[in-house]
């Protein structure tokens, strides 16, 4: 009868999982094959939503382009900056706990509405950035309203929130064997050579973990684009993330069935990218024997 106790303690988690995760997921999968507007009962349309997404909706193609550009820029810059700061902190400077907390603070705040609103004010036409540039005689544009620069303000916001991967990199750096660096120094290896030949290979498991997590987070980015563009994805769809277009279809036009199909294609895309990362990891991620 001991197994009864196990199921008893698992019951709260199981109820939450079925009621809040599995149940809604299966419901959305069903709705993705229907025409549903929250008012009338869902009408079965089969694969029509998916066919329209893949063949007839130009907005989908544009949102995919914007999202891929954001992922391609934000993830490597964010990880590179996080690794650089982690290596700086790993040198054992005075006041390390304070610096670590300050650097982690933006990630702790997350992609909140307040942070996105603040970011919009910084990069607006009369924002803080242009005021600083004006001191040296440079008159900058409204960065968030210019289609050529709007996406890069979102990339900058993502890079600014580098605290989470930085902490993980710092933990990984603390585990690297010091005797390897001492031997390399005795052999005349420069710090740059040691970084590429020792630090990076030994840190590849941590790099891989951060790469997968940050890529998934980048694909799911929504709040910054929603706040900075006012929910429109503008200017001229320059910040129309896939998740933002999904939101517009669901809550702007009440095309819930179509939005559910968009959501499931996003799940499949993230799953495919993650699987590809794991398949290629065998070639460049090195684990200790």
C-alpha atoms as a PDB file:
ATOM      1  CA  UNK A   1       0.000   0.000   0.000  1.00  0.00           C
ATOM      2  CA  UNK A   2       3.019   2.292   0.045  1.00  0.00           C
ATOM      3  CA  UNK A   3       2.374   3.306  -3.550  1.00  0.00           C
ATOM      4  CA  UNK A   4      -0.830   5.023  -2.406  1.00  0.00           C
ATOM      5  CA  UNK A   5       1.246   7.527  -0.443  1.00  0.00           C
ATOM      6  CA  UNK A   6       3.357   8.246  -3.508  1.00  0.00           C
ATOM      7  CA  UNK A   7       0.323   8.990  -5.664  1.00  0.00           C
ATOM      8  CA  UNK A   8      -1.158  11.085  -2.870  1.00  0.00           C
ATOM      9  CA  UNK A   9       1.881  13.368  -2.790  1.00  0.00           C
ATOM     10  CA  UNK A  10       2.030  13.467  -6.597  1.00  0.00           C
ATOM     11  CA  UNK A  11      -1.648  14.373  -6.908  1.00  0.00           C
ATOM     12  CA  UNK A  12      -1.273  18.193  -6.627  1.00  0.00           C
ATOM     13  CA  UNK A  13       1.399  18.219  -9.350  1.00  0.00           C
ATOM     14  CA  UNK A  14      -0.601  15.844 -11.564  1.00  0.00           C
ATOM     15  CA  UNK A  15      -3.748  17.960 -11.222  1.00  0.00           C
ATOM     16  CA  UNK A  16      -1.793  21.088 -12.116  1.00  0.00           C
ATOM     17  CA  UNK A  17      -0.036  19.396 -15.025  1.00  0.00           C
ATOM     18  CA  UNK A  18      -3.222  17.946 -16.540  1.00  0.00           C
ATOM     19  CA  UNK A  19      -5.396  20.993 -15.825  1.00  0.00           C
ATOM     20  CA  UNK A  20      -2.951  23.770 -16.627  1.00  0.00           C
ATOM     21  CA  UNK A  21      -0.502  22.271 -19.129  1.00  0.00           C
ATOM     22  CA  UNK A  22      -1.538  19.049 -20.858  1.00  0.00           C
ATOM     23  CA  UNK A  23      -5.251  19.831 -21.044  1.00  0.00           C
ATOM     24  CA  UNK A  24      -4.893  23.328 -22.563  1.00  0.00           C
ATOM     25  CA  UNK A  25      -2.190  22.055 -24.933  1.00  0.00           C
ATOM     26  CA  UNK A  26      -4.457  19.317 -26.290  1.00  0.00           C
ATOM     27  CA  UNK A  27      -7.343  21.774 -26.517  1.00  0.00           C
ATOM     28  CA  UNK A  28      -5.238  24.203 -28.546  1.00  0.00           C
ATOM     29  CA  UNK A  29      -4.147  21.345 -30.813  1.00  0.00           C
ATOM     30  CA  UNK A  30      -7.774  20.564 -31.524  1.00  0.00           C
ATOM     31  CA  UNK A  31      -8.621  24.242 -32.063  1.00  0.00           C
ATOM     32  CA  UNK A  32      -5.788  24.538 -34.592  1.00  0.00           C
ATOM     33  CA  UNK A  33      -7.894  22.386 -36.933  1.00  0.00           C
ATOM     34  CA  UNK A  34     -10.984  24.544 -36.485  1.00  0.00           C
ATOM     35  CA  UNK A  35     -12.378  27.978 -37.252  1.00  0.00           C
ATOM     36  CA  UNK A  36     -13.032  29.460 -33.795  1.00  0.00           C
ATOM     37  CA  UNK A  37     -13.751  33.059 -32.772  1.00  0.00           C
ATOM     38  CA  UNK A  38     -14.666  32.681 -29.060  1.00  0.00           C
ATOM     39  CA  UNK A  39     -18.316  33.410 -29.867  1.00  0.00           C
ATOM     40  CA  UNK A  40     -19.525  30.569 -32.054  1.00  0.00           C
ATOM     41  CA  UNK A  41     -18.735  26.911 -31.585  1.00  0.00           C
ATOM     42  CA  UNK A  42     -15.512  25.705 -33.275  1.00  0.00           C
ATOM     43  CA  UNK A  43     -16.031  24.568 -36.858  1.00  0.00           C
ATOM     44  CA  UNK A  44     -13.776  21.823 -38.184  1.00  0.00           C
ATOM     45  CA  UNK A  45     -11.655  22.965 -41.145  1.00  0.00           C
ATOM     46  CA  UNK A  46      -8.962  20.277 -41.122  1.00  0.00           C
ATOM     47  CA  UNK A  47      -5.566  21.428 -42.363  1.00  0.00           C
ATOM     48  CA  UNK A  48      -6.875  24.683 -43.839  1.00  0.00           C
ATOM     49  CA  UNK A  49      -5.228  26.854 -41.170  1.00  0.00           C
ATOM     50  CA  UNK A  50      -1.839  25.197 -41.677  1.00  0.00           C
ATOM     51  CA  UNK A  51      -2.104  25.411 -45.459  1.00  0.00           C
ATOM     52  CA  UNK A  52      -2.883  29.115 -45.263  1.00  0.00           C
ATOM     53  CA  UNK A  53       0.044  29.721 -42.893  1.00  0.00           C
ATOM     54  CA  UNK A  54       2.518  27.927 -45.108  1.00  0.00           C
ATOM     55  CA  UNK A  55       1.311  29.129 -48.492  1.00  0.00           C
ATOM     56  CA  UNK A  56      -0.964  32.174 -48.435  1.00  0.00           C
ATOM     57  CA  UNK A  57      -0.166  34.469 -45.494  1.00  0.00           C
ATOM     58  CA  UNK A  58       2.505  37.049 -46.321  1.00  0.00           C
ATOM     59  CA  UNK A  59       2.470  38.331 -42.732  1.00  0.00           C
ATOM     60  CA  UNK A  60       3.692  34.954 -41.514  1.00  0.00           C
ATOM     61  CA  UNK A  61       6.702  35.089 -43.815  1.00  0.00           C
ATOM     62  CA  UNK A  62       7.531  38.616 -42.656  1.00  0.00           C
ATOM     63  CA  UNK A  63       7.185  37.707 -38.974  1.00  0.00           C
ATOM     64  CA  UNK A  64       9.411  34.661 -39.475  1.00  0.00           C
ATOM     65  CA  UNK A  65      12.046  36.844 -41.157  1.00  0.00           C
ATOM     66  CA  UNK A  66      11.992  39.374 -38.309  1.00  0.00           C
ATOM     67  CA  UNK A  67      12.114  36.642 -35.668  1.00  0.00           C
ATOM     68  CA  UNK A  68      15.020  34.816 -37.307  1.00  0.00           C
ATOM     69  CA  UNK A  69      16.937  38.092 -37.616  1.00  0.00           C
ATOM     70  CA  UNK A  70      16.334  38.798 -33.940  1.00  0.00           C
ATOM     71  CA  UNK A  71      17.454  35.302 -32.903  1.00  0.00           C
ATOM     72  CA  UNK A  72      20.531  35.407 -35.156  1.00  0.00           C
ATOM     73  CA  UNK A  73      21.670  38.729 -33.672  1.00  0.00           C
ATOM     74  CA  UNK A  74      20.563  38.645 -30.051  1.00  0.00           C
ATOM     75  CA  UNK A  75      21.705  35.153 -29.066  1.00  0.00           C
ATOM     76  CA  UNK A  76      25.382  35.316 -30.131  1.00  0.00           C
ATOM     77  CA  UNK A  77      25.838  38.916 -28.952  1.00  0.00           C
ATOM     78  CA  UNK A  78      24.188  38.148 -25.628  1.00  0.00           C
ATOM     79  CA  UNK A  79      26.264  35.027 -25.029  1.00  0.00           C
ATOM     80  CA  UNK A  80      29.474  36.719 -26.138  1.00  0.00           C
ATOM     81  CA  UNK A  81      28.904  39.678 -23.844  1.00  0.00           C
ATOM     82  CA  UNK A  82      27.911  37.406 -20.956  1.00  0.00           C
ATOM     83  CA  UNK A  83      31.068  35.317 -21.384  1.00  0.00           C
ATOM     84  CA  UNK A  84      33.266  38.418 -21.515  1.00  0.00           C
ATOM     85  CA  UNK A  85      31.797  39.787 -18.280  1.00  0.00           C
ATOM     86  CA  UNK A  86      32.005  36.362 -16.626  1.00  0.00           C
ATOM     87  CA  UNK A  87      35.708  36.110 -17.477  1.00  0.00           C
ATOM     88  CA  UNK A  88      36.248  39.588 -16.077  1.00  0.00           C
ATOM     89  CA  UNK A  89      34.501  38.676 -12.831  1.00  0.00           C
ATOM     90  CA  UNK A  90      36.388  35.383 -12.669  1.00  0.00           C
ATOM     91  CA  UNK A  91      39.647  37.282 -12.162  1.00  0.00           C
ATOM     92  CA  UNK A  92      38.769  37.712  -8.479  1.00  0.00           C
ATOM     93  CA  UNK A  93      38.237  41.466  -8.320  1.00  0.00           C
ATOM     94  CA  UNK A  94      37.290  43.199  -5.095  1.00  0.00           C
ATOM     95  CA  UNK A  95      33.553  43.567  -4.482  1.00  0.00           C
ATOM     96  CA  UNK A  96      32.694  40.608  -6.701  1.00  0.00           C
ATOM     97  CA  UNK A  97      29.321  39.822  -5.027  1.00  0.00           C
ATOM     98  CA  UNK A  98      28.180  43.407  -5.602  1.00  0.00           C
ATOM     99  CA  UNK A  99      29.161  43.422  -9.293  1.00  0.00           C
ATOM    100  CA  UNK A 100      27.593  40.004  -9.785  1.00  0.00           C
ATOM    101  CA  UNK A 101      24.303  41.209  -8.283  1.00  0.00           C
ATOM    102  CA  UNK A 102      24.307  44.418 -10.349  1.00  0.00           C
ATOM    103  CA  UNK A 103      24.986  42.573 -13.591  1.00  0.00           C
ATOM    104  CA  UNK A 104      22.294  40.010 -12.815  1.00  0.00           C
ATOM    105  CA  UNK A 105      19.657  42.608 -11.940  1.00  0.00           C
ATOM    106  CA  UNK A 106      18.435  43.257 -15.536  1.00  0.00           C
ATOM    107  CA  UNK A 107      17.828  39.526 -16.041  1.00  0.00           C
ATOM    108  CA  UNK A 108      16.035  39.361 -12.705  1.00  0.00           C
ATOM    109  CA  UNK A 109      13.639  42.055 -13.878  1.00  0.00           C
ATOM    110  CA  UNK A 110      13.058  40.028 -17.037  1.00  0.00           C
ATOM    111  CA  UNK A 111      11.177  41.121 -20.133  1.00  0.00           C
ATOM    112  CA  UNK A 112       8.700  43.126 -18.076  1.00  0.00           C
ATOM    113  CA  UNK A 113       6.379  45.854 -19.272  1.00  0.00           C
ATOM    114  CA  UNK A 114       8.206  48.419 -17.130  1.00  0.00           C
ATOM    115  CA  UNK A 115      11.609  47.586 -18.633  1.00  0.00           C
ATOM    116  CA  UNK A 116      10.248  47.631 -22.192  1.00  0.00           C
ATOM    117  CA  UNK A 117       8.569  50.982 -21.536  1.00  0.00           C
ATOM    118  CA  UNK A 118      11.805  52.374 -20.121  1.00  0.00           C
ATOM    119  CA  UNK A 119      13.703  51.089 -23.153  1.00  0.00           C
ATOM    120  CA  UNK A 120      11.224  52.798 -25.465  1.00  0.00           C
ATOM    121  CA  UNK A 121      11.844  56.100 -23.689  1.00  0.00           C
ATOM    122  CA  UNK A 122      15.621  55.681 -23.919  1.00  0.00           C
ATOM    123  CA  UNK A 123      15.541  55.156 -27.702  1.00  0.00           C
ATOM    124  CA  UNK A 124      12.759  57.570 -28.610  1.00  0.00           C
ATOM    125  CA  UNK A 125      13.414  60.728 -30.606  1.00  0.00           C
ATOM    126  CA  UNK A 126      13.926  62.847 -27.488  1.00  0.00           C
ATOM    127  CA  UNK A 127      15.178  59.965 -25.363  1.00  0.00           C
ATOM    128  CA  UNK A 128      18.279  59.575 -23.259  1.00  0.00           C
ATOM    129  CA  UNK A 129      20.449  58.195 -26.074  1.00  0.00           C
ATOM    130  CA  UNK A 130      19.797  61.123 -28.396  1.00  0.00           C
ATOM    131  CA  UNK A 131      20.360  63.594 -25.551  1.00  0.00           C
ATOM    132  CA  UNK A 132      23.779  62.063 -24.932  1.00  0.00           C
ATOM    133  CA  UNK A 133      24.573  62.133 -28.653  1.00  0.00           C
ATOM    134  CA  UNK A 134      23.494  65.771 -28.824  1.00  0.00           C
ATOM    135  CA  UNK A 135      26.261  66.639 -26.366  1.00  0.00           C
ATOM    136  CA  UNK A 136      28.808  65.719 -29.052  1.00  0.00           C
ATOM    137  CA  UNK A 137      26.856  67.305 -31.895  1.00  0.00           C
ATOM    138  CA  UNK A 138      25.151  64.181 -33.214  1.00  0.00           C
ATOM    139  CA  UNK A 139      21.412  64.333 -33.876  1.00  0.00           C
ATOM    140  CA  UNK A 140      20.097  60.776 -33.781  1.00  0.00           C
ATOM    141  CA  UNK A 141      16.789  59.553 -35.194  1.00  0.00           C
ATOM    142  CA  UNK A 142      13.888  58.095 -33.253  1.00  0.00           C
ATOM    143  CA  UNK A 143      15.461  54.655 -33.031  1.00  0.00           C
ATOM    144  CA  UNK A 144      12.245  52.819 -32.164  1.00  0.00           C
ATOM    145  CA  UNK A 145      10.276  54.546 -34.947  1.00  0.00           C
ATOM    146  CA  UNK A 146      12.810  54.031 -37.729  1.00  0.00           C
ATOM    147  CA  UNK A 147      12.255  50.746 -39.616  1.00  0.00           C
ATOM    148  CA  UNK A 148      16.001  50.467 -40.203  1.00  0.00           C
ATOM    149  CA  UNK A 149      16.918  50.589 -36.499  1.00  0.00           C
ATOM    150  CA  UNK A 150      13.854  49.448 -34.526  1.00  0.00           C
ATOM    151  CA  UNK A 151      14.815  45.768 -34.461  1.00  0.00           C
ATOM    152  CA  UNK A 152      18.289  46.619 -33.212  1.00  0.00           C
ATOM    153  CA  UNK A 153      16.869  48.372 -30.147  1.00  0.00           C
ATOM    154  CA  UNK A 154      15.203  45.067 -29.226  1.00  0.00           C
ATOM    155  CA  UNK A 155      18.480  43.236 -29.807  1.00  0.00           C
ATOM    156  CA  UNK A 156      20.208  45.733 -27.508  1.00  0.00           C
ATOM    157  CA  UNK A 157      17.571  45.116 -24.840  1.00  0.00           C
ATOM    158  CA  UNK A 158      18.143  41.374 -25.073  1.00  0.00           C
ATOM    159  CA  UNK A 159      21.915  41.781 -24.797  1.00  0.00           C
ATOM    160  CA  UNK A 160      21.469  44.100 -21.807  1.00  0.00           C
ATOM    161  CA  UNK A 161      19.705  41.267 -19.975  1.00  0.00           C
ATOM    162  CA  UNK A 162      22.820  39.086 -20.021  1.00  0.00           C
ATOM    163  CA  UNK A 163      22.862  38.288 -16.302  1.00  0.00           C
ATOM    164  CA  UNK A 164      21.435  34.774 -16.407  1.00  0.00           C
ATOM    165  CA  UNK A 165      23.935  33.278 -18.911  1.00  0.00           C
ATOM    166  CA  UNK A 166      26.706  35.283 -17.220  1.00  0.00           C
ATOM    167  CA  UNK A 167      26.078  33.550 -13.879  1.00  0.00           C
ATOM    168  CA  UNK A 168      26.124  30.149 -15.590  1.00  0.00           C
ATOM    169  CA  UNK A 169      29.334  31.004 -17.460  1.00  0.00           C
ATOM    170  CA  UNK A 170      30.924  32.201 -14.218  1.00  0.00           C
ATOM    171  CA  UNK A 171      30.023  28.927 -12.497  1.00  0.00           C
ATOM    172  CA  UNK A 172      31.542  27.010 -15.405  1.00  0.00           C
ATOM    173  CA  UNK A 173      34.733  29.062 -15.358  1.00  0.00           C
ATOM    174  CA  UNK A 174      35.160  28.385 -11.649  1.00  0.00           C
ATOM    175  CA  UNK A 175      35.232  24.640 -12.380  1.00  0.00           C
ATOM    176  CA  UNK A 176      38.031  24.748 -14.974  1.00  0.00           C
ATOM    177  CA  UNK A 177      41.303  23.134 -13.790  1.00  0.00           C
ATOM    178  CA  UNK A 178      43.944  25.755 -12.988  1.00  0.00           C
ATOM    179  CA  UNK A 179      46.882  23.399 -13.548  1.00  0.00           C
ATOM    180  CA  UNK A 180      46.112  23.326 -17.291  1.00  0.00           C
ATOM    181  CA  UNK A 181      46.513  27.109 -17.491  1.00  0.00           C
ATOM    182  CA  UNK A 182      49.699  26.993 -15.422  1.00  0.00           C
ATOM    183  CA  UNK A 183      51.193  24.408 -17.777  1.00  0.00           C
ATOM    184  CA  UNK A 184      50.167  26.467 -20.809  1.00  0.00           C
ATOM    185  CA  UNK A 185      51.749  29.598 -19.320  1.00  0.00           C
ATOM    186  CA  UNK A 186      55.000  27.727 -18.714  1.00  0.00           C
ATOM    187  CA  UNK A 187      54.961  26.664 -22.373  1.00  0.00           C
ATOM    188  CA  UNK A 188      54.625  30.308 -23.430  1.00  0.00           C
ATOM    189  CA  UNK A 189      50.946  30.293 -24.431  1.00  0.00           C
ATOM    190  CA  UNK A 190      49.460  33.793 -24.658  1.00  0.00           C
ATOM    191  CA  UNK A 191      46.167  34.626 -22.885  1.00  0.00           C
ATOM    192  CA  UNK A 192      44.407  34.780 -26.282  1.00  0.00           C
ATOM    193  CA  UNK A 193      45.743  31.344 -27.217  1.00  0.00           C
ATOM    194  CA  UNK A 194      44.713  29.959 -23.828  1.00  0.00           C
ATOM    195  CA  UNK A 195      41.193  31.329 -24.316  1.00  0.00           C
ATOM    196  CA  UNK A 196      40.642  29.637 -27.679  1.00  0.00           C
ATOM    197  CA  UNK A 197      42.572  26.433 -26.994  1.00  0.00           C
ATOM    198  CA  UNK A 198      41.716  25.809 -23.338  1.00  0.00           C
ATOM    199  CA  UNK A 199      38.832  27.924 -22.040  1.00  0.00           C
ATOM    200  CA  UNK A 200      36.445  27.550 -24.971  1.00  0.00           C
ATOM    201  CA  UNK A 201      36.870  23.760 -25.456  1.00  0.00           C
ATOM    202  CA  UNK A 202      36.511  23.066 -21.724  1.00  0.00           C
ATOM    203  CA  UNK A 203      33.524  25.402 -21.503  1.00  0.00           C
ATOM    204  CA  UNK A 204      31.619  23.969 -24.482  1.00  0.00           C
ATOM    205  CA  UNK A 205      29.055  22.091 -22.318  1.00  0.00           C
ATOM    206  CA  UNK A 206      28.144  25.362 -20.597  1.00  0.00           C
ATOM    207  CA  UNK A 207      28.137  27.225 -23.916  1.00  0.00           C
ATOM    208  CA  UNK A 208      25.831  24.584 -25.366  1.00  0.00           C
ATOM    209  CA  UNK A 209      23.409  24.841 -22.431  1.00  0.00           C
ATOM    210  CA  UNK A 210      23.256  28.627 -22.642  1.00  0.00           C
ATOM    211  CA  UNK A 211      22.913  28.491 -26.426  1.00  0.00           C
ATOM    212  CA  UNK A 212      19.886  26.190 -26.292  1.00  0.00           C
ATOM    213  CA  UNK A 213      18.153  28.091 -23.477  1.00  0.00           C
ATOM    214  CA  UNK A 214      18.735  31.546 -24.958  1.00  0.00           C
ATOM    215  CA  UNK A 215      17.690  30.443 -28.448  1.00  0.00           C
ATOM    216  CA  UNK A 216      14.392  29.129 -27.115  1.00  0.00           C
ATOM    217  CA  UNK A 217      13.851  32.348 -25.157  1.00  0.00           C
ATOM    218  CA  UNK A 218      14.614  34.441 -28.248  1.00  0.00           C
ATOM    219  CA  UNK A 219      12.046  32.567 -30.328  1.00  0.00           C
ATOM    220  CA  UNK A 220       9.444  33.191 -27.619  1.00  0.00           C
ATOM    221  CA  UNK A 221      10.206  36.923 -27.214  1.00  0.00           C
ATOM    222  CA  UNK A 222       7.020  38.981 -27.111  1.00  0.00           C
ATOM    223  CA  UNK A 223       6.760  41.710 -24.463  1.00  0.00           C
ATOM    224  CA  UNK A 224       9.518  44.066 -25.724  1.00  0.00           C
ATOM    225  CA  UNK A 225       8.190  44.062 -29.282  1.00  0.00           C
ATOM    226  CA  UNK A 226       4.613  44.508 -28.066  1.00  0.00           C
ATOM    227  CA  UNK A 227       5.407  47.480 -25.831  1.00  0.00           C
ATOM    228  CA  UNK A 228       7.902  49.237 -28.087  1.00  0.00           C
ATOM    229  CA  UNK A 229       5.708  48.926 -31.184  1.00  0.00           C
ATOM    230  CA  UNK A 230       2.438  49.550 -29.360  1.00  0.00           C
ATOM    231  CA  UNK A 231       1.252  46.073 -30.316  1.00  0.00           C
ATOM    232  CA  UNK A 232       1.390  46.770 -34.048  1.00  0.00           C
ATOM    233  CA  UNK A 233       4.781  45.296 -34.899  1.00  0.00           C
ATOM    234  CA  UNK A 234       5.751  48.582 -36.518  1.00  0.00           C
ATOM    235  CA  UNK A 235       7.201  50.590 -37.944  1.00  0.00           C
ATOM    236  CA  UNK A 236       6.323  48.838 -41.230  1.00  0.00           C
ATOM    237  CA  UNK A 237       6.387  45.421 -39.524  1.00  0.00           C
ATOM    238  CA  UNK A 238      10.042  45.933 -38.563  1.00  0.00           C
ATOM    239  CA  UNK A 239       9.375  44.473 -35.093  1.00  0.00           C
ATOM    240  CA  UNK A 240       6.604  42.042 -36.037  1.00  0.00           C
ATOM    241  CA  UNK A 241       7.797  39.012 -34.109  1.00  0.00           C
ATOM    242  CA  UNK A 242       6.088  35.720 -34.811  1.00  0.00           C
ATOM    243  CA  UNK A 243       4.656  35.683 -31.281  1.00  0.00           C
ATOM    244  CA  UNK A 244       3.317  39.217 -31.748  1.00  0.00           C
ATOM    245  CA  UNK A 245       1.575  38.246 -34.980  1.00  0.00           C
ATOM    246  CA  UNK A 246       0.142  35.221 -33.178  1.00  0.00           C
ATOM    247  CA  UNK A 247      -1.217  37.561 -30.503  1.00  0.00           C
ATOM    248  CA  UNK A 248      -2.753  39.854 -33.106  1.00  0.00           C
ATOM    249  CA  UNK A 249      -4.549  36.977 -34.780  1.00  0.00           C
ATOM    250  CA  UNK A 250      -5.845  35.619 -31.484  1.00  0.00           C
ATOM    251  CA  UNK A 251      -6.863  38.727 -29.555  1.00  0.00           C
ATOM    252  CA  UNK A 252      -6.978  41.363 -32.289  1.00  0.00           C
ATOM    253  CA  UNK A 253      -9.066  39.481 -34.849  1.00  0.00           C
ATOM    254  CA  UNK A 254     -10.375  36.642 -32.622  1.00  0.00           C
ATOM    255  CA  UNK A 255      -9.109  34.018 -35.046  1.00  0.00           C
ATOM    256  CA  UNK A 256      -8.343  31.583 -32.242  1.00  0.00           C
ATOM    257  CA  UNK A 257      -8.131  28.508 -34.440  1.00  0.00           C
ATOM    258  CA  UNK A 258      -5.666  30.179 -36.764  1.00  0.00           C
ATOM    259  CA  UNK A 259      -3.632  31.475 -33.805  1.00  0.00           C
ATOM    260  CA  UNK A 260      -3.545  27.977 -32.297  1.00  0.00           C
ATOM    261  CA  UNK A 261      -2.115  26.656 -35.568  1.00  0.00           C
ATOM    262  CA  UNK A 262       0.521  29.401 -35.495  1.00  0.00           C
ATOM    263  CA  UNK A 263       1.395  28.431 -31.930  1.00  0.00           C
ATOM    264  CA  UNK A 264       1.825  24.759 -32.760  1.00  0.00           C
ATOM    265  CA  UNK A 265       4.053  25.547 -35.722  1.00  0.00           C
ATOM    266  CA  UNK A 266       6.179  27.643 -33.346  1.00  0.00           C
ATOM    267  CA  UNK A 267       6.413  24.667 -30.975  1.00  0.00           C
ATOM    268  CA  UNK A 268       7.509  22.431 -33.851  1.00  0.00           C
ATOM    269  CA  UNK A 269      10.049  25.008 -35.046  1.00  0.00           C
ATOM    270  CA  UNK A 270      11.582  25.382 -31.582  1.00  0.00           C
ATOM    271  CA  UNK A 271      11.662  21.605 -31.217  1.00  0.00           C
ATOM    272  CA  UNK A 272      13.397  21.237 -34.581  1.00  0.00           C
ATOM    273  CA  UNK A 273      15.999  23.887 -33.768  1.00  0.00           C
ATOM    274  CA  UNK A 274      16.660  22.280 -30.375  1.00  0.00           C
ATOM    275  CA  UNK A 275      16.974  18.835 -31.927  1.00  0.00           C
ATOM    276  CA  UNK A 276      19.387  20.206 -34.531  1.00  0.00           C
ATOM    277  CA  UNK A 277      21.471  21.745 -31.752  1.00  0.00           C
ATOM    278  CA  UNK A 278      21.702  18.391 -29.971  1.00  0.00           C
ATOM    279  CA  UNK A 279      22.600  16.584 -33.202  1.00  0.00           C
ATOM    280  CA  UNK A 280      25.418  18.996 -34.001  1.00  0.00           C
ATOM    281  CA  UNK A 281      26.625  19.086 -30.381  1.00  0.00           C
ATOM    282  CA  UNK A 282      28.504  15.823 -30.876  1.00  0.00           C
ATOM    283  CA  UNK A 283      30.932  17.639 -33.170  1.00  0.00           C
ATOM    284  CA  UNK A 284      31.887  20.539 -30.939  1.00  0.00           C
ATOM    285  CA  UNK A 285      30.779  19.916 -27.340  1.00  0.00           C
ATOM    286  CA  UNK A 286      33.473  18.159 -25.313  1.00  0.00           C
ATOM    287  CA  UNK A 287      32.633  16.417 -22.060  1.00  0.00           C
ATOM    288  CA  UNK A 288      35.116  15.065 -19.566  1.00  0.00           C
ATOM    289  CA  UNK A 289      35.727  11.353 -19.922  1.00  0.00           C
END
